[in-house]
Amino acid sequence: MSARRHQVMHVRRKITGRPMVIAKNARTVRELLRRHLREEGMRLMDLAPAWGRSAHTVYSLFAVNRPLAPEHLEASIQALGLDEFDANELRLQGAREAGWQIDETFLLERPQ
């Protein structure tokens, strides 16, 4: 009997078994934070002092599938030194992921 690697059946599939539709430009708060960290030449563990957590906890918070707390977003913005545009983009995406109903009439730029 040969040892074979098996791919998990639910990779990129919903529980129902149908393929998931993933938008090409779908961005999450975690992806935005990773991009800003990469641009600054930092790593995830560099957020640990700003968040007041251990490096392991930062990795754990990035691995779970729930929205990041606003305190973590604000601490990340301060640690990375983001400008107002990038900071607001991060806050808006975090609010959307948390399930807030954003009224688009108050936004200066309409999302597509």
C-alpha atoms as a PDB file:
ATOM      1  CA  MET A   1       0.000   0.000   0.000  1.00  0.00           C
ATOM      2  CA  SER A   2       1.551   3.263  -1.089  1.00  0.00           C
ATOM      3  CA  ALA A   3       1.333   6.401   0.976  1.00  0.00           C
ATOM      4  CA  ARG A   4      -0.429   9.112  -0.981  1.00  0.00           C
ATOM      5  CA  ARG A   5      -1.168  12.652  -0.076  1.00  0.00           C
ATOM      6  CA  HIS A   6      -4.833  13.459  -0.037  1.00  0.00           C
ATOM      7  CA  GLN A   7      -6.158  16.925  -0.597  1.00  0.00           C
ATOM      8  CA  VAL A   8      -8.932  17.881   1.732  1.00  0.00           C
ATOM      9  CA  MET A   9     -12.240  17.777  -0.133  1.00  0.00           C
ATOM     10  CA  HIS A  10     -13.538  21.105   1.157  1.00  0.00           C
ATOM     11  CA  VAL A  11     -10.654  23.218  -0.107  1.00  0.00           C
ATOM     12  CA  ARG A  12     -12.174  26.226  -1.909  1.00  0.00           C
ATOM     13  CA  ARG A  13     -15.634  24.707  -1.611  1.00  0.00           C
ATOM     14  CA  LYS A  14     -18.595  25.510   0.543  1.00  0.00           C
ATOM     15  CA  ILE A  15     -20.054  22.919   2.858  1.00  0.00           C
ATOM     16  CA  THR A  16     -22.612  22.098   0.169  1.00  0.00           C
ATOM     17  CA  GLY A  17     -19.899  21.024  -2.245  1.00  0.00           C
ATOM     18  CA  ARG A  18     -20.492  23.720  -4.850  1.00  0.00           C
ATOM     19  CA  PRO A  19     -17.507  25.797  -5.961  1.00  0.00           C
ATOM     20  CA  MET A  20     -17.125  29.125  -4.193  1.00  0.00           C
ATOM     21  CA  VAL A  21     -17.136  32.319  -6.215  1.00  0.00           C
ATOM     22  CA  ILE A  22     -14.125  34.376  -5.203  1.00  0.00           C
ATOM     23  CA  ALA A  23     -13.889  37.869  -6.616  1.00  0.00           C
ATOM     24  CA  LYS A  24     -10.557  38.750  -8.193  1.00  0.00           C
ATOM     25  CA  ASN A  25     -10.220  41.978  -6.252  1.00  0.00           C
ATOM     26  CA  ALA A  26     -11.698  40.759  -2.967  1.00  0.00           C
ATOM     27  CA  ARG A  27      -9.600  42.234  -0.176  1.00  0.00           C
ATOM     28  CA  THR A  28      -9.798  41.656   3.523  1.00  0.00           C
ATOM     29  CA  VAL A  29      -8.380  43.610   6.421  1.00  0.00           C
ATOM     30  CA  ARG A  30      -5.763  40.935   6.904  1.00  0.00           C
ATOM     31  CA  GLU A  31      -4.667  41.194   3.265  1.00  0.00           C
ATOM     32  CA  LEU A  32      -4.464  44.972   3.547  1.00  0.00           C
ATOM     33  CA  LEU A  33      -2.398  44.725   6.737  1.00  0.00           C
ATOM     34  CA  ARG A  34      -0.063  42.176   5.163  1.00  0.00           C
ATOM     35  CA  ARG A  35       0.407  44.455   2.150  1.00  0.00           C
ATOM     36  CA  HIS A  36       1.256  47.449   4.349  1.00  0.00           C
ATOM     37  CA  LEU A  37       3.593  45.328   6.474  1.00  0.00           C
ATOM     38  CA  ARG A  38       5.360  44.101   3.342  1.00  0.00           C
ATOM     39  CA  GLU A  39       5.703  47.677   2.043  1.00  0.00           C
ATOM     40  CA  GLU A  40       7.256  48.791   5.333  1.00  0.00           C
ATOM     41  CA  GLY A  41       9.595  45.782   5.465  1.00  0.00           C
ATOM     42  CA  MET A  42       7.952  44.497   8.640  1.00  0.00           C
ATOM     43  CA  ARG A  43       6.603  41.105   9.694  1.00  0.00           C
ATOM     44  CA  LEU A  44       3.457  40.071  11.530  1.00  0.00           C
ATOM     45  CA  MET A  45       5.394  39.646  14.746  1.00  0.00           C
ATOM     46  CA  ASP A  46       6.338  43.334  14.577  1.00  0.00           C
ATOM     47  CA  LEU A  47       2.705  44.146  15.428  1.00  0.00           C
ATOM     48  CA  ALA A  48       3.000  42.345  18.780  1.00  0.00           C
ATOM     49  CA  PRO A  49       4.325  45.318  20.789  1.00  0.00           C
ATOM     50  CA  ALA A  50       1.737  47.661  19.259  1.00  0.00           C
ATOM     51  CA  TRP A  51      -1.096  45.266  20.047  1.00  0.00           C
ATOM     52  CA  GLY A  52       0.265  44.444  23.505  1.00  0.00           C
ATOM     53  CA  ARG A  53       0.274  40.736  22.686  1.00  0.00           C
ATOM     54  CA  SER A  54       2.828  38.015  22.076  1.00  0.00           C
ATOM     55  CA  ALA A  55       3.951  37.191  18.546  1.00  0.00           C
ATOM     56  CA  HIS A  56       2.136  33.857  18.749  1.00  0.00           C
ATOM     57  CA  THR A  57      -1.139  35.621  19.593  1.00  0.00           C
ATOM     58  CA  VAL A  58      -0.757  37.940  16.593  1.00  0.00           C
ATOM     59  CA  TYR A  59      -0.362  34.927  14.307  1.00  0.00           C
ATOM     60  CA  SER A  60      -3.377  33.285  15.964  1.00  0.00           C
ATOM     61  CA  LEU A  61      -5.542  36.376  15.471  1.00  0.00           C
ATOM     62  CA  PHE A  62      -4.606  36.429  11.784  1.00  0.00           C
ATOM     63  CA  ALA A  63      -5.529  32.747  11.452  1.00  0.00           C
ATOM     64  CA  VAL A  64      -9.038  32.830  12.929  1.00  0.00           C
ATOM     65  CA  ASN A  65     -12.011  33.703  10.775  1.00  0.00           C
ATOM     66  CA  ARG A  66     -13.531  36.630  12.662  1.00  0.00           C
ATOM     67  CA  PRO A  67     -13.156  40.376  12.326  1.00  0.00           C
ATOM     68  CA  LEU A  68     -10.243  42.123  13.940  1.00  0.00           C
ATOM     69  CA  ALA A  69     -11.079  44.429  16.830  1.00  0.00           C
ATOM     70  CA  PRO A  70     -11.057  48.181  16.145  1.00  0.00           C
ATOM     71  CA  GLU A  71      -8.348  48.555  18.806  1.00  0.00           C
ATOM     72  CA  HIS A  72      -6.084  46.245  16.818  1.00  0.00           C
ATOM     73  CA  LEU A  73      -6.730  48.219  13.637  1.00  0.00           C
ATOM     74  CA  GLU A  74      -5.957  51.539  15.330  1.00  0.00           C
ATOM     75  CA  ALA A  75      -2.780  50.139  16.890  1.00  0.00           C
ATOM     76  CA  SER A  76      -1.719  48.795  13.481  1.00  0.00           C
ATOM     77  CA  ILE A  77      -2.334  52.175  11.871  1.00  0.00           C
ATOM     78  CA  GLN A  78      -0.146  53.858  14.509  1.00  0.00           C
ATOM     79  CA  ALA A  79       2.596  51.219  14.286  1.00  0.00           C
ATOM     80  CA  LEU A  80       2.744  51.347  10.490  1.00  0.00           C
ATOM     81  CA  GLY A  81       2.429  55.131  10.302  1.00  0.00           C
ATOM     82  CA  LEU A  82      -0.270  54.969   7.630  1.00  0.00           C
ATOM     83  CA  ASP A  83      -1.538  58.116   5.984  1.00  0.00           C
ATOM     84  CA  GLU A  84      -5.179  59.147   6.340  1.00  0.00           C
ATOM     85  CA  PHE A  85      -6.272  57.547   3.042  1.00  0.00           C
ATOM     86  CA  ASP A  86      -4.821  54.106   3.850  1.00  0.00           C
ATOM     87  CA  ALA A  87      -6.016  54.311   7.450  1.00  0.00           C
ATOM     88  CA  ASN A  88      -9.580  55.078   6.393  1.00  0.00           C
ATOM     89  CA  GLU A  89      -9.501  52.288   3.807  1.00  0.00           C
ATOM     90  CA  LEU A  90      -8.459  49.868   6.552  1.00  0.00           C
ATOM     91  CA  ARG A  91     -11.123  51.137   8.970  1.00  0.00           C
ATOM     92  CA  LEU A  92     -13.863  50.951   6.323  1.00  0.00           C
ATOM     93  CA  GLN A  93     -12.945  47.401   5.327  1.00  0.00           C
ATOM     94  CA  GLY A  94     -12.821  46.395   9.000  1.00  0.00           C
ATOM     95  CA  ALA A  95     -16.296  47.837   9.559  1.00  0.00           C
ATOM     96  CA  ARG A  96     -17.643  45.952   6.554  1.00  0.00           C
ATOM     97  CA  GLU A  97     -16.142  42.681   7.757  1.00  0.00           C
ATOM     98  CA  ALA A  98     -17.629  43.257  11.201  1.00  0.00           C
ATOM     99  CA  GLY A  99     -21.069  43.475   9.595  1.00  0.00           C
ATOM    100  CA  TRP A 100     -21.705  47.181   9.946  1.00  0.00           C
ATOM    101  CA  GLN A 101     -24.211  48.598   7.489  1.00  0.00           C
ATOM    102  CA  ILE A 102     -22.297  51.331   5.680  1.00  0.00           C
ATOM    103  CA  ASP A 103     -24.496  53.976   4.039  1.00  0.00           C
ATOM    104  CA  GLU A 104     -22.837  54.650   0.684  1.00  0.00           C
ATOM    105  CA  THR A 105     -24.426  58.100   0.350  1.00  0.00           C
ATOM    106  CA  PHE A 106     -21.993  59.427   2.953  1.00  0.00           C
ATOM    107  CA  LEU A 107     -18.919  58.084   1.177  1.00  0.00           C
ATOM    108  CA  LEU A 108     -16.929  60.410  -1.042  1.00  0.00           C
ATOM    109  CA  GLU A 109     -16.009  57.635  -3.429  1.00  0.00           C
ATOM    110  CA  ARG A 110     -18.502  54.988  -4.558  1.00  0.00           C
ATOM    111  CA  PRO A 111     -17.297  51.365  -4.269  1.00  0.00           C
ATOM    112  CA  GLN A 112     -17.586  49.323  -7.460  1.00  0.00           C
END
